[in-house]
Amino acid sequence: MLVKVFESEDMPSALKKVRETLGADALILSTRTVRKGMGVFRKPLYEITAAIDDQAAAPTRPAQPSKQPARLATPSAAPEDSEEINYQDIWKQRKVVDPMEDEIRSLKSQLASQSMSSVRQEIDELKTLVRQMAAPAAPPVVVEPAPPARPVFRPAAATGHNEIREMSLLREALAEYGIEDDVIETIEQIAWDTLSPQQLQNPQRLQEFFCQAVQEMVRVAEPFQADRRQQRRIALVGPTGVGKTTTIAKLAANYLLQGGTGVALVTIDTYRIAAVEQLKIYGEIMNLPVEVVLTPEQMQEAFARHKDKELILIDTAGRSPRDTPSIEDLSRFLGPGSGTENHLVLAAPTRDRELQETVIRFGSLPLHSLVFTKLDECDQRGSLLNVPLRQNLPVSYLTTGQRVPEDLVIAKIKTLADFITNQPEENIL
């Protein structure tokens, strides 16, 4: 029996090859789809295995196409007296050989990829070795000995999660005061170097320590005192509604109570008629002159008219921190060379992030210090520490209400600490 395998791009073409080669009596032993070549886009081929008895083999020249379709082989149709091989044996062989051929192809592909990967890896290693040999020798690295670690105070019996128990009381108290995390960490570092584990558990000692820490971290400005030798020109700037005009009146009244005599009030807040009228009322009550100026030149003229005064207090219009043109316009009056001390007024109930942004925006003016108002309207006063520490500005005054001049507080280190811990003294001035 003669057995042959035919391949074509489609089934009709493959059957045509079978008929032309083996004739119309050829037996179709098996059909399948195979892929040959490399790459994922290789086209499938149809493979037909056909057989014919040697005696009925087709002549050497191509046979004329027969109109009879090739007969599909069945076990009953296989000749029993074939001397070479019968249909049953061929069918069994194909069932064994076909899977083996597929497995062999898969193994060949895996071996090829593995061999290429190993070759590439070896080439990369050789390249790296050559670069290292060609590179100049690096100087020896001198390792400096690490500084000794700062001793950490821990109770002798503390183990596991209790090892930092002694610091928890301080951290919880600072967080309750509204102090930000980065400032808390700074204070904790000071506490490690200052206090013993036993002192860290003593609330009274922690209060004393906090006052000392505030003294190391925050600066305060000197209060306005009567000084006939040099005139001081104090301008209050800040956002709308923080209480600049009322604070101006408190500063003027407090200055007079401290023995000062020569005070003049100047306002450049022409945006609000009520603000001008309010300042004039305060001036009438305290018998102080009030000047309303519209231009930087007029303000300098007002300074000249009141050159005999010890203190000139300047009220300004509220400006939004995001209104850059308005702040730039304000700098024409209070910029470098104007001879003024600019104190930024901040409302304590405002969120810390907004306070920080306000300081940065008004920083285009030369700022002398910070004034915090409305301390009576908030429970947490951690901003008295957070903002001055981050912006590196001193604090000059605090206000705790609307009364003039009773609700004005001179900023002192202990005063700031007492306000932050909600323990202000009754008579702070």
Protein backbone atom coordinates (compact mmCIF):
# COMPACT_ATOMS: atom_id res chain seq x y z
CA MET A 1 0.00 0.00 0.00
CA LEU A 2 1.23 3.48 -0.88
CA VAL A 3 0.70 6.20 1.77
CA LYS A 4 1.29 9.90 1.13
CA VAL A 5 0.71 13.20 2.96
CA PHE A 6 -0.63 16.24 1.11
CA GLU A 7 -0.66 19.86 2.29
CA SER A 8 -2.53 22.86 0.95
CA GLU A 9 -3.90 26.20 2.05
CA ASP A 10 -7.50 24.93 1.91
CA MET A 11 -9.33 21.61 1.92
CA PRO A 12 -10.53 21.64 -1.73
CA SER A 13 -6.98 22.19 -2.97
CA ALA A 14 -5.69 19.37 -0.79
CA LEU A 15 -8.34 16.94 -2.06
CA LYS A 16 -7.50 17.95 -5.62
CA LYS A 17 -3.84 17.05 -5.00
CA VAL A 18 -4.92 13.64 -3.64
CA ARG A 19 -7.01 12.86 -6.73
CA GLU A 20 -4.34 14.05 -9.14
CA THR A 21 -1.61 11.98 -7.44
CA LEU A 22 -3.36 8.80 -6.23
CA GLY A 23 -6.49 8.79 -8.30
CA ALA A 24 -10.14 8.61 -7.43
CA ASP A 25 -9.70 5.33 -5.51
CA ALA A 26 -7.47 6.88 -2.88
CA LEU A 27 -8.46 6.36 0.72
CA ILE A 28 -8.45 9.41 3.04
CA LEU A 29 -6.78 8.22 6.25
CA SER A 30 -6.76 11.48 8.25
CA THR A 31 -7.16 15.24 7.99
CA ARG A 32 -5.86 17.97 10.27
CA THR A 33 -4.79 21.60 10.40
CA VAL A 34 -1.10 22.36 10.97
CA ARG A 35 1.02 25.56 11.31
CA LYS A 36 4.54 25.76 9.94
CA GLY A 37 7.18 28.41 9.98
CA MET A 38 8.07 31.04 12.63
CA GLY A 39 6.04 33.84 14.21
CA VAL A 40 2.54 34.18 15.59
CA PHE A 41 1.10 35.26 12.22
CA ARG A 42 1.93 32.04 10.30
CA LYS A 43 -1.00 30.74 8.19
CA PRO A 44 -2.62 27.34 8.86
CA LEU A 45 -2.22 24.50 6.35
CA TYR A 46 -4.57 21.59 5.78
CA GLU A 47 -2.81 18.20 5.85
CA ILE A 48 -4.43 15.07 4.36
CA THR A 49 -2.97 11.59 4.73
CA ALA A 50 -4.16 9.33 1.87
CA ALA A 51 -3.35 5.78 0.75
CA ILE A 52 -3.90 3.53 -2.24
CA ASP A 53 -3.12 -0.09 -3.04
CA ASP A 54 0.13 -0.52 -4.95
CA GLN A 55 -1.64 -2.34 -7.75
CA ALA A 56 -4.08 0.50 -8.15
CA ALA A 57 -1.47 3.25 -7.92
CA ALA A 58 -1.84 6.11 -10.31
CA PRO A 59 0.42 6.34 -13.38
CA THR A 60 3.35 8.65 -13.40
CA ARG A 61 1.61 11.31 -15.42
CA PRO A 62 -1.08 13.27 -13.67
CA ALA A 63 -4.43 11.59 -13.89
CA GLN A 64 -7.40 13.38 -15.28
CA PRO A 65 -9.56 14.83 -12.56
CA SER A 66 -12.33 12.44 -11.77
CA LYS A 67 -15.82 13.48 -11.05
CA GLN A 68 -15.95 10.78 -8.37
CA PRO A 69 -15.06 12.22 -4.94
CA ALA A 70 -12.37 10.54 -2.94
CA ARG A 71 -13.71 7.93 -0.57
CA LEU A 72 -13.23 8.49 3.15
CA ALA A 73 -11.54 5.48 4.65
CA THR A 74 -13.32 3.42 7.28
CA PRO A 75 -12.05 0.38 9.14
CA SER A 76 -14.40 -1.89 7.18
CA ALA A 77 -13.11 -0.53 3.89
CA ALA A 78 -9.49 -1.34 4.59
CA PRO A 79 -8.16 -4.29 2.59
CA GLU A 80 -7.48 -7.26 4.82
CA ASP A 81 -4.92 -8.98 2.60
CA SER A 82 -2.46 -6.03 2.32
CA GLU A 83 1.07 -7.34 2.63
CA GLU A 84 2.70 -3.97 3.59
CA ILE A 85 0.32 -2.39 6.05
CA ASN A 86 -3.43 -2.26 6.63
CA TYR A 87 -5.71 0.66 7.49
CA GLN A 88 -6.01 -0.31 11.16
CA ASP A 89 -2.21 -0.15 11.62
CA ILE A 90 -1.98 3.19 9.79
CA TRP A 91 -4.75 4.69 11.95
CA LYS A 92 -3.04 3.53 15.14
CA GLN A 93 0.31 4.93 13.99
CA ARG A 94 -1.18 8.32 13.15
CA LYS A 95 -2.88 8.54 16.57
CA VAL A 96 0.50 8.01 18.20
CA VAL A 97 2.69 9.96 15.79
CA ASP A 98 0.60 13.15 15.51
CA PRO A 99 0.74 14.07 19.23
CA MET A 100 4.43 13.18 19.31
CA GLU A 101 5.14 15.51 16.40
CA ASP A 102 3.33 18.38 18.14
CA GLU A 103 5.26 17.76 21.33
CA ILE A 104 8.56 17.62 19.45
CA ARG A 105 7.80 20.96 17.77
CA SER A 106 7.00 22.51 21.17
CA LEU A 107 10.21 21.18 22.69
CA LYS A 108 12.26 22.50 19.78
CA SER A 109 10.73 25.95 20.22
CA GLN A 110 11.42 25.95 23.97
CA LEU A 111 15.01 24.79 23.47
CA ALA A 112 15.59 27.49 20.87
CA SER A 113 14.27 30.26 23.12
CA GLN A 114 16.18 28.96 26.14
CA SER A 115 19.40 28.72 24.23
CA MET A 116 19.02 32.24 22.86
CA SER A 117 18.24 33.61 26.36
CA SER A 118 21.27 31.95 27.86
CA VAL A 119 23.47 33.24 25.04
CA ARG A 120 22.18 36.80 25.53
CA GLN A 121 22.73 36.55 29.29
CA GLU A 122 26.30 35.38 28.81
CA ILE A 123 26.97 38.22 26.33
CA ASP A 124 25.58 40.80 28.79
CA GLU A 125 27.76 39.42 31.57
CA LEU A 126 30.83 39.60 29.35
CA LYS A 127 30.04 43.22 28.41
CA THR A 128 29.68 44.18 32.07
CA LEU A 129 32.98 42.49 32.91
CA VAL A 130 34.77 44.33 30.09
CA ARG A 131 33.39 47.71 31.25
CA GLN A 132 34.52 47.05 34.80
CA MET A 133 38.00 46.14 33.63
CA ALA A 134 38.23 49.25 31.43
CA ALA A 135 36.95 51.69 34.08
CA PRO A 136 39.55 53.51 36.24
CA ALA A 137 39.97 52.23 39.72
CA ALA A 138 37.83 54.11 42.23
CA PRO A 139 39.53 55.66 45.26
CA PRO A 140 39.12 53.74 48.46
CA VAL A 141 36.03 54.68 50.43
CA VAL A 142 36.74 55.99 53.89
CA VAL A 143 33.91 55.13 56.24
CA GLU A 144 33.52 57.66 59.01
CA PRO A 145 32.55 56.17 62.33
CA ALA A 146 28.90 56.81 63.13
CA PRO A 147 28.26 59.29 65.94
CA PRO A 148 27.09 57.70 69.14
CA ALA A 149 23.34 57.42 69.32
CA ARG A 150 21.51 59.80 71.63
CA PRO A 151 20.42 57.90 74.72
CA VAL A 152 16.72 57.27 74.84
CA PHE A 153 15.04 57.45 78.21
CA ARG A 154 12.80 54.48 78.87
CA PRO A 155 11.43 52.98 82.07
CA ALA A 156 13.38 49.94 83.16
CA ALA A 157 10.27 47.75 83.18
CA ALA A 158 9.04 48.95 79.78
CA THR A 159 9.03 46.31 77.05
CA GLY A 160 7.39 45.86 73.65
CA HIS A 161 4.68 48.39 72.83
CA ASN A 162 5.15 50.12 76.22
CA GLU A 163 8.64 51.40 75.33
CA ILE A 164 7.43 54.87 74.29
CA ARG A 165 4.70 55.10 76.90
CA GLU A 166 6.49 57.93 78.71
CA MET A 167 6.15 60.26 75.67
CA SER A 168 2.44 59.67 75.09
CA LEU A 169 1.23 62.15 77.73
CA LEU A 170 3.19 65.02 76.15
CA ARG A 171 2.15 64.16 72.58
CA GLU A 172 -1.53 63.88 73.47
CA ALA A 173 -1.45 67.23 75.28
CA LEU A 174 0.26 69.03 72.39
CA ALA A 175 -2.17 67.57 69.85
CA GLU A 176 -5.06 68.71 72.05
CA TYR A 177 -3.68 72.25 71.98
CA GLY A 178 -3.83 72.27 68.15
CA ILE A 179 -0.07 72.07 67.58
CA GLU A 180 0.93 70.59 64.22
CA ASP A 181 2.76 67.25 63.94
CA ASP A 182 6.11 68.64 62.74
CA VAL A 183 6.16 71.12 65.65
CA ILE A 184 5.26 68.31 68.06
CA GLU A 185 8.22 66.28 66.83
CA THR A 186 10.54 69.24 67.46
CA ILE A 187 9.22 69.62 71.01
CA GLU A 188 9.60 65.87 71.62
CA GLN A 189 13.26 66.03 70.61
CA ILE A 190 13.80 68.78 73.17
CA ALA A 191 11.94 66.70 75.77
CA TRP A 192 14.21 63.66 75.19
CA ASP A 193 17.23 65.83 75.91
CA THR A 194 15.70 67.62 78.89
CA LEU A 195 13.35 65.40 80.88
CA SER A 196 13.65 62.04 82.58
CA PRO A 197 10.98 59.34 82.15
CA GLN A 198 9.52 60.23 85.53
CA GLN A 199 9.27 63.93 84.62
CA LEU A 200 7.53 63.02 81.35
CA GLN A 201 4.72 61.57 83.46
CA ASN A 202 4.37 64.66 85.67
CA PRO A 203 1.74 67.12 84.22
CA GLN A 204 3.06 70.04 86.27
CA ARG A 205 6.63 69.44 85.10
CA LEU A 206 5.41 69.13 81.51
CA GLN A 207 3.71 72.53 81.82
CA GLU A 208 6.96 74.09 82.99
CA PHE A 209 8.88 72.34 80.23
CA PHE A 210 6.42 73.57 77.58
CA CYS A 211 6.96 77.19 78.66
CA GLN A 212 10.71 76.66 78.34
CA ALA A 213 10.32 75.06 74.90
CA VAL A 214 8.18 77.97 73.66
CA GLN A 215 10.88 80.35 74.84
CA GLU A 216 13.45 78.52 72.71
CA MET A 217 11.20 78.33 69.64
CA VAL A 218 9.27 81.64 69.43
CA ARG A 219 10.33 85.31 69.51
CA VAL A 220 8.31 88.26 70.81
CA ALA A 221 8.54 91.92 69.80
CA GLU A 222 8.98 94.77 72.23
CA PRO A 223 5.72 96.61 73.08
CA PHE A 224 5.13 100.22 72.02
CA GLN A 225 6.48 102.43 74.80
CA ALA A 226 6.59 106.18 75.15
CA ASP A 227 9.83 107.41 73.61
CA ARG A 228 10.15 111.09 72.73
CA ARG A 229 13.54 110.56 71.09
CA GLN A 230 12.25 108.77 67.99
CA GLN A 231 8.88 108.65 66.26
CA ARG A 232 7.39 105.19 65.56
CA ARG A 233 5.02 104.65 62.68
CA ILE A 234 3.03 101.46 63.16
CA ALA A 235 0.86 100.11 60.30
CA LEU A 236 -1.59 97.22 60.74
CA VAL A 237 -2.17 95.13 57.60
CA GLY A 238 -4.09 91.94 56.99
CA PRO A 239 -7.23 90.31 55.55
CA THR A 240 -10.70 91.77 55.83
CA GLY A 241 -12.52 91.31 59.14
CA VAL A 242 -9.57 90.46 61.39
CA GLY A 243 -10.12 93.56 63.59
CA LYS A 244 -7.46 96.01 62.45
CA THR A 245 -9.42 99.23 63.23
CA THR A 246 -10.44 98.07 66.71
CA THR A 247 -6.87 96.97 67.42
CA ILE A 248 -5.62 100.43 66.34
CA ALA A 249 -7.91 102.00 68.97
CA LYS A 250 -6.71 99.54 71.64
CA LEU A 251 -3.06 100.30 70.86
CA ALA A 252 -3.67 104.07 71.04
CA ALA A 253 -5.55 103.84 74.35
CA ASN A 254 -2.96 101.50 75.86
CA TYR A 255 -0.15 103.83 74.80
CA LEU A 256 -1.84 106.77 76.50
CA LEU A 257 -2.39 104.71 79.65
CA GLN A 258 1.35 103.87 79.71
CA GLY A 259 2.21 107.61 79.86
CA GLY A 260 2.47 108.51 76.21
CA THR A 261 1.11 111.87 75.09
CA GLY A 262 1.73 112.41 71.38
CA VAL A 263 -0.37 110.02 69.24
CA ALA A 264 -1.87 110.54 65.77
CA LEU A 265 -4.14 108.21 63.75
CA VAL A 266 -3.85 107.82 59.97
CA THR A 267 -6.08 105.71 57.73
CA ILE A 268 -5.67 104.72 54.09
CA ASP A 269 -8.83 102.58 54.25
CA THR A 270 -10.99 104.60 51.88
CA TYR A 271 -12.81 101.49 50.63
CA ARG A 272 -15.15 101.42 53.65
CA ILE A 273 -16.74 104.66 54.82
CA ALA A 274 -17.71 102.94 58.07
CA ALA A 275 -14.04 102.23 58.83
CA VAL A 276 -13.11 105.93 58.49
CA GLU A 277 -16.05 106.99 60.65
CA GLN A 278 -15.23 104.38 63.26
CA LEU A 279 -11.63 105.57 63.52
CA LYS A 280 -12.78 109.22 63.77
CA ILE A 281 -15.08 108.29 66.65
CA TYR A 282 -12.18 106.65 68.48
CA GLY A 283 -10.08 109.77 67.79
CA GLU A 284 -12.75 112.07 69.24
CA ILE A 285 -13.10 109.92 72.37
CA MET A 286 -9.33 109.96 73.01
CA ASN A 287 -8.86 113.52 71.68
CA LEU A 288 -6.47 112.34 68.94
CA PRO A 289 -6.05 113.77 65.40
CA VAL A 290 -7.21 111.53 62.53
CA GLU A 291 -5.79 111.87 59.00
CA VAL A 292 -7.39 110.32 55.88
CA VAL A 293 -4.89 109.93 53.02
CA LEU A 294 -5.40 108.77 49.44
CA THR A 295 -1.85 108.59 48.05
CA PRO A 296 1.61 107.72 49.34
CA GLU A 297 2.58 111.37 48.93
CA GLN A 298 -0.30 112.49 51.17
CA MET A 299 0.75 109.97 53.80
CA GLN A 300 4.28 111.36 53.88
CA GLU A 301 2.77 114.86 54.21
CA ALA A 302 0.70 113.64 57.18
CA PHE A 303 3.86 112.29 58.80
CA ALA A 304 5.47 115.72 58.38
CA ARG A 305 2.49 117.51 59.91
CA HIS A 306 2.69 115.27 62.99
CA LYS A 307 6.45 115.12 63.36
CA ASP A 308 6.01 116.18 66.98
CA LYS A 309 4.07 112.99 67.75
CA GLU A 310 5.77 110.01 69.41
CA LEU A 311 3.53 107.40 67.82
CA ILE A 312 1.59 107.32 64.54
CA LEU A 313 -0.83 104.40 64.08
CA ILE A 314 -1.85 103.60 60.48
CA ASP A 315 -5.04 101.72 59.61
CA THR A 316 -5.31 99.97 56.24
CA ALA A 317 -8.04 98.37 54.17
CA GLY A 318 -8.47 94.63 54.41
CA ARG A 319 -6.87 92.77 51.51
CA SER A 320 -7.51 89.23 50.37
CA PRO A 321 -4.28 87.21 50.51
CA ARG A 322 -5.01 86.06 46.94
CA ASP A 323 -5.52 89.62 45.64
CA THR A 324 -1.94 90.19 44.55
CA PRO A 325 -2.57 93.54 42.77
CA SER A 326 -4.14 95.01 45.94
CA ILE A 327 -1.21 93.90 48.07
CA GLU A 328 1.18 95.39 45.52
CA ASP A 329 -0.80 98.64 45.68
CA LEU A 330 -0.48 98.56 49.48
CA SER A 331 3.29 98.30 49.12
CA ARG A 332 3.30 101.77 47.48
CA PHE A 333 2.30 103.17 50.87
CA LEU A 334 4.17 100.78 53.20
CA GLY A 335 7.04 99.39 51.14
CA PRO A 336 10.77 99.76 51.85
CA GLY A 337 11.69 103.39 52.44
CA SER A 338 8.28 104.36 53.82
CA GLY A 339 9.59 104.40 57.39
CA THR A 340 6.76 102.21 58.74
CA GLU A 341 6.70 99.07 60.88
CA ASN A 342 4.18 96.70 59.31
CA HIS A 343 2.43 94.34 61.72
CA LEU A 344 0.36 91.56 60.12
CA VAL A 345 -2.95 91.00 61.92
CA LEU A 346 -4.25 87.39 61.92
CA ALA A 347 -7.50 86.01 63.32
CA ALA A 348 -6.64 83.09 65.63
CA PRO A 349 -9.76 80.99 64.75
CA THR A 350 -8.55 80.74 61.12
CA ARG A 351 -7.15 77.41 59.99
CA ASP A 352 -3.38 77.06 60.19
CA ARG A 353 -2.94 76.44 56.47
CA GLU A 354 -4.77 79.67 55.61
CA LEU A 355 -2.75 81.59 58.19
CA GLN A 356 0.48 80.30 56.67
CA GLU A 357 -0.65 81.33 53.18
CA THR A 358 -1.65 84.79 54.44
CA VAL A 359 1.81 85.37 55.92
CA ILE A 360 3.46 84.25 52.68
CA ARG A 361 1.23 86.49 50.51
CA PHE A 362 1.72 89.59 52.68
CA GLY A 363 5.42 88.79 52.88
CA SER A 364 5.93 91.03 49.83
CA LEU A 365 5.69 93.85 52.37
CA PRO A 366 8.48 94.13 54.93
CA LEU A 367 6.74 92.54 57.96
CA HIS A 368 7.87 93.46 61.47
CA SER A 369 5.75 91.10 63.60
CA LEU A 370 2.43 89.25 63.96
CA VAL A 371 -0.68 90.32 65.90
CA PHE A 372 -3.22 87.59 66.76
CA THR A 373 -6.84 88.66 67.36
CA LYS A 374 -10.07 86.98 68.51
CA LEU A 375 -8.38 84.54 70.87
CA ASP A 376 -11.64 84.48 72.83
CA GLU A 377 -13.40 82.86 69.85
CA CYS A 378 -11.33 79.67 69.62
CA ASP A 379 -10.57 76.73 71.91
CA GLN A 380 -7.36 75.58 70.22
CA ARG A 381 -4.63 78.19 69.98
CA GLY A 382 -1.74 76.13 68.62
CA SER A 383 -1.41 78.65 65.77
CA LEU A 384 0.32 80.98 68.27
CA LEU A 385 3.23 78.53 68.05
CA ASN A 386 2.83 76.94 64.60
CA VAL A 387 2.76 80.13 62.49
CA PRO A 388 5.54 82.20 64.15
CA LEU A 389 7.85 79.17 64.24
CA ARG A 390 7.37 78.29 60.57
CA GLN A 391 7.49 81.89 59.30
CA ASN A 392 10.27 83.03 61.67
CA LEU A 393 8.40 86.16 62.76
CA PRO A 394 7.97 87.51 66.30
CA VAL A 395 4.60 88.10 67.96
CA SER A 396 3.84 91.58 69.32
CA TYR A 397 0.24 91.71 70.57
CA LEU A 398 -2.82 89.55 71.21
CA THR A 399 -6.48 90.58 71.53
CA THR A 400 -9.20 88.73 73.43
CA GLY A 401 -12.38 90.69 72.72
CA GLN A 402 -13.94 93.99 71.59
CA ARG A 403 -13.38 96.11 74.69
CA VAL A 404 -11.02 99.09 74.31
CA PRO A 405 -8.40 98.95 75.72
CA GLU A 406 -9.03 96.07 78.19
CA ASP A 407 -8.87 93.23 75.67
CA LEU A 408 -5.32 93.95 74.49
CA VAL A 409 -2.49 91.63 75.61
CA ILE A 410 1.25 92.21 75.25
CA ALA A 411 2.88 89.09 73.80
CA LYS A 412 5.30 87.48 76.24
CA ILE A 413 6.73 83.98 76.16
CA LYS A 414 4.82 82.82 79.23
CA THR A 415 1.69 84.55 77.94
CA LEU A 416 1.85 82.63 74.67
CA ALA A 417 2.39 79.34 76.49
CA ASP A 418 -0.50 80.04 78.85
CA PHE A 419 -2.86 80.89 76.00
CA ILE A 420 -1.87 77.74 74.07
CA THR A 421 -2.54 75.58 77.13
CA ASN A 422 -5.81 77.46 77.82
CA GLN A 423 -4.53 78.86 81.12
CA PRO A 424 -4.21 82.63 80.50
CA GLU A 425 -3.64 84.94 83.44
CA GLU A 426 -6.48 87.27 84.34
CA ASN A 427 -4.33 90.44 84.30
CA ILE A 428 -1.79 90.11 81.53
CA LEU A 429 -1.11 93.75 80.60
